[in-house]
PDB file of N, CA and C in Angstrom:
ATOM      1  N   UNK A   1      54.912 -31.589 -75.957  1.00  0.00           N
ATOM      2  CA  UNK A   1      54.925 -30.311 -75.294  1.00  0.00           C
ATOM      3  C   UNK A   1      54.372 -30.486 -73.875  1.00  0.00           C
ATOM      4  N   UNK A   2      55.082 -29.977 -72.914  1.00  0.00           N
ATOM      5  CA  UNK A   2      54.668 -30.052 -71.516  1.00  0.00           C
ATOM      6  C   UNK A   2      53.999 -28.728 -71.154  1.00  0.00           C
ATOM      7  N   UNK A   3      52.803 -28.832 -70.619  1.00  0.00           N
ATOM      8  CA  UNK A   3      52.089 -27.635 -70.198  1.00  0.00           C
ATOM      9  C   UNK A   3      52.115 -27.560 -68.677  1.00  0.00           C
ATOM     10  N   UNK A   4      52.539 -26.478 -68.174  1.00  0.00           N
ATOM     11  CA  UNK A   4      52.556 -26.256 -66.732  1.00  0.00           C
ATOM     12  C   UNK A   4      51.448 -25.266 -66.405  1.00  0.00           C
ATOM     13  N   UNK A   5      50.545 -25.712 -65.602  1.00  0.00           N
ATOM     14  CA  UNK A   5      49.448 -24.836 -65.199  1.00  0.00           C
ATOM     15  C   UNK A   5      49.726 -24.303 -63.802  1.00  0.00           C
ATOM     16  N   UNK A   6      49.641 -23.041 -63.687  1.00  0.00           N
ATOM     17  CA  UNK A   6      49.840 -22.397 -62.400  1.00  0.00           C
ATOM     18  C   UNK A   6      48.580 -21.620 -62.072  1.00  0.00           C
ATOM     19  N   UNK A   7      48.114 -21.785 -60.876  1.00  0.00           N
ATOM     20  CA  UNK A   7      46.953 -21.002 -60.460  1.00  0.00           C
ATOM     21  C   UNK A   7      47.330 -20.205 -59.219  1.00  0.00           C
ATOM     22  N   UNK A   8      46.791 -19.034 -59.154  1.00  0.00           N
ATOM     23  CA  UNK A   8      47.044 -18.157 -58.025  1.00  0.00           C
ATOM     24  C   UNK A   8      45.721 -17.823 -57.364  1.00  0.00           C
ATOM     25  N   UNK A   9      45.719 -17.842 -56.073  1.00  0.00           N
ATOM     26  CA  UNK A   9      44.526 -17.469 -55.341  1.00  0.00           C
ATOM     27  C   UNK A   9      44.644 -16.021 -54.883  1.00  0.00           C
ATOM     28  N   UNK A  10      43.525 -15.385 -54.755  1.00  0.00           N
ATOM     29  CA  UNK A  10      43.514 -13.997 -54.288  1.00  0.00           C
ATOM     30  C   UNK A  10      42.349 -13.810 -53.332  1.00  0.00           C
ATOM     31  N   UNK A  11      42.597 -13.041 -52.314  1.00  0.00           N
ATOM     32  CA  UNK A  11      41.547 -12.660 -51.374  1.00  0.00           C
ATOM     33  C   UNK A  11      41.515 -11.141 -51.353  1.00  0.00           C
ATOM     34  N   UNK A  12      40.368 -10.599 -51.620  1.00  0.00           N
ATOM     35  CA  UNK A  12      40.194  -9.154 -51.569  1.00  0.00           C
ATOM     36  C   UNK A  12      39.449  -8.823 -50.288  1.00  0.00           C
ATOM     37  N   UNK A  13      40.061  -8.019 -49.454  1.00  0.00           N
ATOM     38  CA  UNK A  13      39.406  -7.572 -48.226  1.00  0.00           C
ATOM     39  C   UNK A  13      39.179  -6.078 -48.370  1.00  0.00           C
ATOM     40  N   UNK A  14      37.936  -5.707 -48.346  1.00  0.00           N
ATOM     41  CA  UNK A  14      37.562  -4.306 -48.530  1.00  0.00           C
ATOM     42  C   UNK A  14      36.874  -3.840 -47.261  1.00  0.00           C
ATOM     43  N   UNK A  15      37.488  -2.920 -46.562  1.00  0.00           N
ATOM     44  CA  UNK A  15      36.917  -2.394 -45.326  1.00  0.00           C
ATOM     45  C   UNK A  15      36.390  -0.992 -45.592  1.00  0.00           C
ATOM     46  N   UNK A  16      35.119  -0.796 -45.353  1.00  0.00           N
ATOM     47  CA  UNK A  16      34.499   0.501 -45.583  1.00  0.00           C
ATOM     48  C   UNK A  16      34.575   1.339 -44.311  1.00  0.00           C
ATOM     49  N   UNK A  17      34.966   2.549 -44.449  1.00  0.00           N
ATOM     50  CA  UNK A  17      35.060   3.533 -43.362  1.00  0.00           C
ATOM     51  C   UNK A  17      35.965   3.093 -42.215  1.00  0.00           C
ATOM     52  N   UNK A  18      37.093   2.512 -42.537  1.00  0.00           N
ATOM     53  CA  UNK A  18      38.087   2.154 -41.523  1.00  0.00           C
ATOM     54  C   UNK A  18      39.364   2.933 -41.842  1.00  0.00           C
ATOM     55  N   UNK A  19      39.823   3.669 -40.877  1.00  0.00           N
ATOM     56  CA  UNK A  19      41.064   4.427 -41.072  1.00  0.00           C
ATOM     57  C   UNK A  19      42.264   3.507 -40.918  1.00  0.00           C
ATOM     58  N   UNK A  20      43.215   3.642 -41.806  1.00  0.00           N
ATOM     59  CA  UNK A  20      44.429   2.836 -41.715  1.00  0.00           C
ATOM     60  C   UNK A  20      45.140   3.080 -40.386  1.00  0.00           C
ATOM     61  N   UNK A  21      45.089   4.301 -39.896  1.00  0.00           N
ATOM     62  CA  UNK A  21      45.783   4.625 -38.640  1.00  0.00           C
ATOM     63  C   UNK A  21      45.164   3.922 -37.432  1.00  0.00           C
ATOM     64  N   UNK A  22      43.992   3.292 -37.603  1.00  0.00           N
ATOM     65  CA  UNK A  22      43.347   2.558 -36.509  1.00  0.00           C
ATOM     66  C   UNK A  22      43.670   1.066 -36.558  1.00  0.00           C
ATOM     67  N   UNK A  23      44.540   0.656 -37.471  1.00  0.00           N
ATOM     68  CA  UNK A  23      44.903  -0.753 -37.605  1.00  0.00           C
ATOM     69  C   UNK A  23      46.359  -0.964 -37.209  1.00  0.00           C
ATOM     70  N   UNK A  24      46.653  -2.060 -36.514  1.00  0.00           N
ATOM     71  CA  UNK A  24      48.036  -2.295 -36.091  1.00  0.00           C
ATOM     72  C   UNK A  24      48.997  -2.509 -37.265  1.00  0.00           C
ATOM     73  N   UNK A  25      48.481  -2.966 -38.394  1.00  0.00           N
ATOM     74  CA  UNK A  25      49.364  -3.167 -39.541  1.00  0.00           C
ATOM     75  C   UNK A  25      49.949  -1.855 -40.032  1.00  0.00           C
ATOM     76  N   UNK A  26      49.297  -0.748 -39.679  1.00  0.00           N
ATOM     77  CA  UNK A  26      49.788   0.570 -40.082  1.00  0.00           C
ATOM     78  C   UNK A  26      50.266   1.392 -38.896  1.00  0.00           C
ATOM     79  N   UNK A  27      50.519   0.731 -37.771  1.00  0.00           N
ATOM     80  CA  UNK A  27      51.137   1.422 -36.655  1.00  0.00           C
ATOM     81  C   UNK A  27      50.293   1.673 -35.417  1.00  0.00           C
ATOM     82  N   UNK A  28      49.019   1.306 -35.412  1.00  0.00           N
ATOM     83  CA  UNK A  28      48.206   1.494 -34.221  1.00  0.00           C
ATOM     84  C   UNK A  28      48.749   0.587 -33.117  1.00  0.00           C
ATOM     85  N   UNK A  29      48.933   1.103 -31.893  1.00  0.00           N
ATOM     86  CA  UNK A  29      49.610   0.322 -30.853  1.00  0.00           C
ATOM     87  C   UNK A  29      48.845  -0.904 -30.337  1.00  0.00           C
ATOM     88  N   UNK A  30      47.527  -0.895 -30.408  1.00  0.00           N
ATOM     89  CA  UNK A  30      46.737  -2.006 -29.873  1.00  0.00           C
ATOM     90  C   UNK A  30      46.271  -2.907 -31.021  1.00  0.00           C
ATOM     91  N   UNK A  31      46.412  -4.226 -30.841  1.00  0.00           N
ATOM     92  CA  UNK A  31      46.034  -5.161 -31.902  1.00  0.00           C
ATOM     93  C   UNK A  31      44.577  -5.592 -31.727  1.00  0.00           C
ATOM     94  N   UNK A  32      43.663  -4.821 -32.329  1.00  0.00           N
ATOM     95  CA  UNK A  32      42.242  -5.130 -32.253  1.00  0.00           C
ATOM     96  C   UNK A  32      41.794  -6.007 -33.423  1.00  0.00           C
ATOM     97  N   UNK A  33      42.667  -6.235 -34.368  1.00  0.00           N
ATOM     98  CA  UNK A  33      42.339  -7.041 -35.551  1.00  0.00           C
ATOM     99  C   UNK A  33      43.410  -8.113 -35.761  1.00  0.00           C
ATOM    100  N   UNK A  34      43.476  -9.124 -34.878  1.00  0.00           N
ATOM    101  CA  UNK A  34      44.554 -10.111 -34.968  1.00  0.00           C
ATOM    102  C   UNK A  34      44.531 -10.923 -36.265  1.00  0.00           C
ATOM    103  N   UNK A  35      43.349 -11.224 -36.809  1.00  0.00           N
ATOM    104  CA  UNK A  35      43.290 -11.983 -38.057  1.00  0.00           C
ATOM    105  C   UNK A  35      43.906 -11.191 -39.201  1.00  0.00           C
ATOM    106  N   UNK A  36      43.547  -9.913 -39.316  1.00  0.00           N
ATOM    107  CA  UNK A  36      44.129  -9.077 -40.375  1.00  0.00           C
ATOM    108  C   UNK A  36      45.636  -8.930 -40.193  1.00  0.00           C
ATOM    109  N   UNK A  37      46.079  -8.835 -38.970  1.00  0.00           N
ATOM    110  CA  UNK A  37      47.518  -8.722 -38.710  1.00  0.00           C
ATOM    111  C   UNK A  37      48.262  -9.964 -39.174  1.00  0.00           C
ATOM    112  N   UNK A  38      47.707 -11.145 -38.863  1.00  0.00           N
ATOM    113  CA  UNK A  38      48.351 -12.395 -39.311  1.00  0.00           C
ATOM    114  C   UNK A  38      48.316 -12.515 -40.828  1.00  0.00           C
ATOM    115  N   UNK A  39      47.202 -12.134 -41.433  1.00  0.00           N
ATOM    116  CA  UNK A  39      47.086 -12.190 -42.883  1.00  0.00           C
ATOM    117  C   UNK A  39      48.083 -11.243 -43.548  1.00  0.00           C
ATOM    118  N   UNK A  40      48.250 -10.061 -42.997  1.00  0.00           N
ATOM    119  CA  UNK A  40      49.182  -9.073 -43.554  1.00  0.00           C
ATOM    120  C   UNK A  40      50.626  -9.547 -43.461  1.00  0.00           C
ATOM    121  N   UNK A  41      50.941 -10.320 -42.429  1.00  0.00           N
ATOM    122  CA  UNK A  41      52.303 -10.844 -42.298  1.00  0.00           C
ATOM    123  C   UNK A  41      52.653 -11.799 -43.429  1.00  0.00           C
ATOM    124  N   UNK A  42      51.650 -12.507 -43.954  1.00  0.00           N
ATOM    125  CA  UNK A  42      51.889 -13.510 -44.995  1.00  0.00           C
ATOM    126  C   UNK A  42      51.519 -13.024 -46.393  1.00  0.00           C
ATOM    127  N   UNK A  43      50.861 -11.904 -46.510  1.00  0.00           N
ATOM    128  CA  UNK A  43      50.386 -11.451 -47.813  1.00  0.00           C
ATOM    129  C   UNK A  43      51.057 -10.167 -48.249  1.00  0.00           C
ATOM    130  N   UNK A  44      50.386  -9.464 -49.105  1.00  0.00           N
ATOM    131  CA  UNK A  44      50.873  -8.182 -49.604  1.00  0.00           C
ATOM    132  C   UNK A  44      50.101  -7.078 -48.913  1.00  0.00           C
ATOM    133  N   UNK A  45      50.824  -6.177 -48.314  1.00  0.00           N
ATOM    134  CA  UNK A  45      50.218  -5.055 -47.615  1.00  0.00           C
ATOM    135  C   UNK A  45      50.493  -3.794 -48.421  1.00  0.00           C
ATOM    136  N   UNK A  46      49.444  -3.109 -48.826  1.00  0.00           N
ATOM    137  CA  UNK A  46      49.608  -1.897 -49.625  1.00  0.00           C
ATOM    138  C   UNK A  46      49.664  -0.679 -48.720  1.00  0.00           C
ATOM    139  N   UNK A  47      50.577   0.196 -49.001  1.00  0.00           N
ATOM    140  CA  UNK A  47      50.751   1.407 -48.209  1.00  0.00           C
ATOM    141  C   UNK A  47      49.851   2.545 -48.702  1.00  0.00           C
ATOM    142  N   UNK A  48      49.409   2.477 -49.945  1.00  0.00           N
ATOM    143  CA  UNK A  48      48.561   3.529 -50.514  1.00  0.00           C
ATOM    144  C   UNK A  48      47.392   2.897 -51.250  1.00  0.00           C
ATOM    145  N   UNK A  49      46.282   3.592 -51.239  1.00  0.00           N
ATOM    146  CA  UNK A  49      45.114   3.140 -51.982  1.00  0.00           C
ATOM    147  C   UNK A  49      44.399   4.371 -52.524  1.00  0.00           C
ATOM    148  N   UNK A  50      43.811   4.225 -53.684  1.00  0.00           N
ATOM    149  CA  UNK A  50      43.120   5.329 -54.335  1.00  0.00           C
ATOM    150  C   UNK A  50      41.752   4.856 -54.788  1.00  0.00           C
ATOM    151  N   UNK A  51      40.817   5.758 -54.837  1.00  0.00           N
ATOM    152  CA  UNK A  51      39.470   5.413 -55.277  1.00  0.00           C
ATOM    153  C   UNK A  51      39.054   6.337 -56.411  1.00  0.00           C
ATOM    154  N   UNK A  52      38.299   5.812 -57.361  1.00  0.00           N
ATOM    155  CA  UNK A  52      37.818   6.665 -58.442  1.00  0.00           C
ATOM    156  C   UNK A  52      36.582   7.473 -58.053  1.00  0.00           C
ATOM    157  N   UNK A  53      36.010   7.170 -56.883  1.00  0.00           N
ATOM    158  CA  UNK A  53      34.790   7.849 -56.458  1.00  0.00           C
ATOM    159  C   UNK A  53      34.724   7.796 -54.934  1.00  0.00           C
ATOM    160  N   UNK A  54      34.320   8.871 -54.267  1.00  0.00           N
ATOM    161  CA  UNK A  54      34.374   8.905 -52.805  1.00  0.00           C
ATOM    162  C   UNK A  54      33.195   8.256 -52.081  1.00  0.00           C
ATOM    163  N   UNK A  55      32.393   7.467 -52.768  1.00  0.00           N
ATOM    164  CA  UNK A  55      31.276   6.767 -52.130  1.00  0.00           C
ATOM    165  C   UNK A  55      31.404   5.271 -52.396  1.00  0.00           C
ATOM    166  N   UNK A  56      30.916   4.469 -51.456  1.00  0.00           N
ATOM    167  CA  UNK A  56      31.135   3.026 -51.480  1.00  0.00           C
ATOM    168  C   UNK A  56      30.595   2.329 -52.722  1.00  0.00           C
ATOM    169  N   UNK A  57      29.328   2.500 -53.039  1.00  0.00           N
ATOM    170  CA  UNK A  57      28.717   1.732 -54.127  1.00  0.00           C
ATOM    171  C   UNK A  57      29.380   2.025 -55.477  1.00  0.00           C
ATOM    172  N   UNK A  58      29.543   3.297 -55.877  1.00  0.00           N
ATOM    173  CA  UNK A  58      30.229   3.536 -57.152  1.00  0.00           C
ATOM    174  C   UNK A  58      31.682   3.062 -57.136  1.00  0.00           C
ATOM    175  N   UNK A  59      32.357   3.175 -55.995  1.00  0.00           N
ATOM    176  CA  UNK A  59      33.746   2.714 -55.903  1.00  0.00           C
ATOM    177  C   UNK A  59      33.827   1.198 -56.051  1.00  0.00           C
ATOM    178  N   UNK A  60      32.899   0.473 -55.421  1.00  0.00           N
ATOM    179  CA  UNK A  60      32.882  -0.989 -55.567  1.00  0.00           C
ATOM    180  C   UNK A  60      32.544  -1.399 -56.993  1.00  0.00           C
ATOM    181  N   UNK A  61      31.608  -0.709 -57.624  1.00  0.00           N
ATOM    182  CA  UNK A  61      31.270  -1.023 -59.010  1.00  0.00           C
ATOM    183  C   UNK A  61      32.494  -0.834 -59.903  1.00  0.00           C
ATOM    184  N   UNK A  62      33.255   0.217 -59.668  1.00  0.00           N
ATOM    185  CA  UNK A  62      34.473   0.444 -60.442  1.00  0.00           C
ATOM    186  C   UNK A  62      35.508  -0.641 -60.176  1.00  0.00           C
ATOM    187  N   UNK A  63      35.641  -1.039 -58.926  1.00  0.00           N
ATOM    188  CA  UNK A  63      36.602  -2.071 -58.555  1.00  0.00           C
ATOM    189  C   UNK A  63      36.304  -3.388 -59.258  1.00  0.00           C
ATOM    190  N   UNK A  64      35.039  -3.774 -59.277  1.00  0.00           N
ATOM    191  CA  UNK A  64      34.680  -5.085 -59.815  1.00  0.00           C
ATOM    192  C   UNK A  64      34.435  -5.102 -61.321  1.00  0.00           C
ATOM    193  N   UNK A  65      34.249  -3.939 -61.934  1.00  0.00           N
ATOM    194  CA  UNK A  65      34.077  -3.914 -63.390  1.00  0.00           C
ATOM    195  C   UNK A  65      35.317  -3.444 -64.120  1.00  0.00           C
ATOM    196  N   UNK A  66      36.188  -2.737 -63.409  1.00  0.00           N
ATOM    197  CA  UNK A  66      37.364  -2.164 -64.067  1.00  0.00           C
ATOM    198  C   UNK A  66      37.045  -0.903 -64.842  1.00  0.00           C
ATOM    199  N   UNK A  67      35.863  -0.371 -64.645  1.00  0.00           N
ATOM    200  CA  UNK A  67      35.428   0.831 -65.354  1.00  0.00           C
ATOM    201  C   UNK A  67      35.198   1.973 -64.375  1.00  0.00           C
ATOM    202  N   UNK A  68      35.485   3.183 -64.809  1.00  0.00           N
ATOM    203  CA  UNK A  68      35.173   4.342 -63.983  1.00  0.00           C
ATOM    204  C   UNK A  68      33.656   4.450 -63.816  1.00  0.00           C
ATOM    205  N   UNK A  69      33.194   5.063 -62.730  1.00  0.00           N
ATOM    206  CA  UNK A  69      31.754   5.173 -62.505  1.00  0.00           C
ATOM    207  C   UNK A  69      30.993   5.818 -63.664  1.00  0.00           C
ATOM    208  N   UNK A  70      31.588   6.798 -64.312  1.00  0.00           N
ATOM    209  CA  UNK A  70      30.891   7.446 -65.423  1.00  0.00           C
ATOM    210  C   UNK A  70      30.835   6.564 -66.668  1.00  0.00           C
ATOM    211  N   UNK A  71      31.538   5.410 -66.634  1.00  0.00           N
ATOM    212  CA  UNK A  71      31.442   4.440 -67.724  1.00  0.00           C
ATOM    213  C   UNK A  71      30.625   3.209 -67.339  1.00  0.00           C
ATOM    214  N   UNK A  72      30.567   2.881 -66.067  1.00  0.00           N
ATOM    215  CA  UNK A  72      29.800   1.694 -65.677  1.00  0.00           C
ATOM    216  C   UNK A  72      28.365   2.039 -65.265  1.00  0.00           C
ATOM    217  N   UNK A  73      28.047   3.309 -65.200  1.00  0.00           N
ATOM    218  CA  UNK A  73      26.670   3.722 -64.927  1.00  0.00           C
ATOM    219  C   UNK A  73      26.308   3.826 -63.462  1.00  0.00           C
ATOM    220  N   UNK A  74      27.248   3.600 -62.563  1.00  0.00           N
ATOM    221  CA  UNK A  74      26.945   3.669 -61.129  1.00  0.00           C
ATOM    222  C   UNK A  74      27.598   4.931 -60.554  1.00  0.00           C
ATOM    223  N   UNK A  75      26.954   6.059 -60.802  1.00  0.00           N
ATOM    224  CA  UNK A  75      27.457   7.327 -60.286  1.00  0.00           C
ATOM    225  C   UNK A  75      26.554   7.887 -59.213  1.00  0.00           C
ATOM    226  N   UNK A  76      25.302   7.549 -59.272  1.00  0.00           N
ATOM    227  CA  UNK A  76      24.316   8.103 -58.353  1.00  0.00           C
ATOM    228  C   UNK A  76      24.232   7.275 -57.081  1.00  0.00           C
ATOM    229  N   UNK A  77      23.965   7.946 -56.002  1.00  0.00           N
ATOM    230  CA  UNK A  77      23.703   7.242 -54.753  1.00  0.00           C
ATOM    231  C   UNK A  77      22.196   7.053 -54.664  1.00  0.00           C
ATOM    232  N   UNK A  78      21.747   5.855 -54.956  1.00  0.00           N
ATOM    233  CA  UNK A  78      20.323   5.550 -54.992  1.00  0.00           C
ATOM    234  C   UNK A  78      19.956   4.791 -53.724  1.00  0.00           C
ATOM    235  N   UNK A  79      18.966   5.288 -52.968  1.00  0.00           N
ATOM    236  CA  UNK A  79      18.573   4.566 -51.751  1.00  0.00           C
ATOM    237  C   UNK A  79      17.983   3.199 -52.083  1.00  0.00           C
ATOM    238  N   UNK A  80      18.318   2.218 -51.275  1.00  0.00           N
ATOM    239  CA  UNK A  80      17.791   0.872 -51.449  1.00  0.00           C
ATOM    240  C   UNK A  80      16.463   0.803 -50.713  1.00  0.00           C
ATOM    241  N   UNK A  81      15.390   0.320 -51.382  1.00  0.00           N
ATOM    242  CA  UNK A  81      14.078   0.276 -50.715  1.00  0.00           C
ATOM    243  C   UNK A  81      14.049  -0.713 -49.572  1.00  0.00           C
TER     244      UNK A  81
END
Protein backbone atom coordinates (compact mmCIF):
# COMPACT_ATOMS: atom_id res chain seq x y z
CA UNK A 1 0.00 0.00 0.00
CA UNK A 2 1.37 3.40 -0.99
CA UNK A 3 0.63 6.23 1.39
CA UNK A 4 0.68 9.74 0.05
CA UNK A 5 1.06 12.40 2.66
CA UNK A 6 -0.04 15.86 1.81
CA UNK A 7 0.45 18.80 4.08
CA UNK A 8 -1.06 22.21 3.69
CA UNK A 9 0.23 25.37 5.24
CA UNK A 10 -2.02 28.14 6.46
CA UNK A 11 -1.38 31.69 7.54
CA UNK A 12 -4.04 33.48 9.50
CA UNK A 13 -3.82 37.25 9.40
CA UNK A 14 -6.16 38.95 11.80
CA UNK A 15 -6.32 42.73 11.67
CA UNK A 16 -8.15 44.41 14.53
CA UNK A 17 -10.05 47.62 13.82
CA UNK A 18 -9.09 47.88 10.15
CA UNK A 19 -11.81 48.70 7.67
CA UNK A 20 -11.77 46.67 4.48
CA UNK A 21 -12.51 49.85 2.53
CA UNK A 22 -9.11 51.21 3.68
CA UNK A 23 -7.19 48.36 2.00
CA UNK A 24 -6.26 48.24 -1.69
CA UNK A 25 -7.31 44.60 -1.91
CA UNK A 26 -10.87 45.82 -1.43
CA UNK A 27 -10.67 48.86 -3.67
CA UNK A 28 -8.82 51.60 -1.78
CA UNK A 29 -6.92 53.61 -4.43
CA UNK A 30 -3.61 53.96 -2.53
CA UNK A 31 -1.48 50.88 -1.78
CA UNK A 32 -0.45 51.42 1.84
CA UNK A 33 -0.15 47.68 2.51
CA UNK A 34 2.02 46.23 -0.30
CA UNK A 35 2.80 42.98 1.56
CA UNK A 36 -0.89 42.21 2.11
CA UNK A 37 -1.61 43.06 -1.51
CA UNK A 38 1.04 40.62 -2.76
CA UNK A 39 -0.16 37.95 -0.35
CA UNK A 40 -3.77 38.41 -1.48
CA UNK A 41 -2.74 37.96 -5.11
CA UNK A 42 -1.39 34.48 -4.31
CA UNK A 43 -3.81 33.38 -1.60
CA UNK A 44 -7.49 33.31 -0.84
CA UNK A 45 -9.18 36.63 -0.33
CA UNK A 46 -12.50 36.55 1.50
CA UNK A 47 -15.14 39.08 0.58
CA UNK A 48 -17.19 38.60 3.77
CA UNK A 49 -16.35 37.91 7.37
CA UNK A 50 -18.53 37.38 10.41
CA UNK A 51 -17.82 37.40 14.11
CA UNK A 52 -19.63 35.66 16.94
CA UNK A 53 -18.90 38.57 19.28
CA UNK A 54 -18.22 42.28 18.63
CA UNK A 55 -15.12 42.50 20.87
CA UNK A 56 -11.60 41.31 20.09
CA UNK A 57 -10.78 38.96 22.97
CA UNK A 58 -14.02 36.91 22.93
CA UNK A 59 -13.93 36.82 19.11
CA UNK A 60 -10.34 35.54 19.11
CA UNK A 61 -11.17 32.93 21.75
CA UNK A 62 -14.02 31.72 19.55
CA UNK A 63 -11.78 31.67 16.48
CA UNK A 64 -9.08 29.58 18.13
CA UNK A 65 -11.32 27.22 20.11
CA UNK A 66 -14.14 26.76 17.62
CA UNK A 67 -16.62 27.51 20.40
CA UNK A 68 -19.01 30.40 20.82
CA UNK A 69 -18.04 32.80 23.63
CA UNK A 70 -20.89 31.58 25.83
CA UNK A 71 -19.40 28.07 25.54
CA UNK A 72 -15.70 28.86 25.86
CA UNK A 73 -16.15 31.14 28.87
CA UNK A 74 -14.67 34.29 27.33
CA UNK A 75 -17.65 36.64 27.25
CA UNK A 76 -16.54 39.34 29.64
CA UNK A 77 -14.17 42.13 28.83
CA UNK A 78 -11.74 41.86 31.72
CA UNK A 79 -9.04 44.53 32.06
CA UNK A 80 -5.49 43.20 31.99
CA UNK A 81 -3.51 44.34 35.06
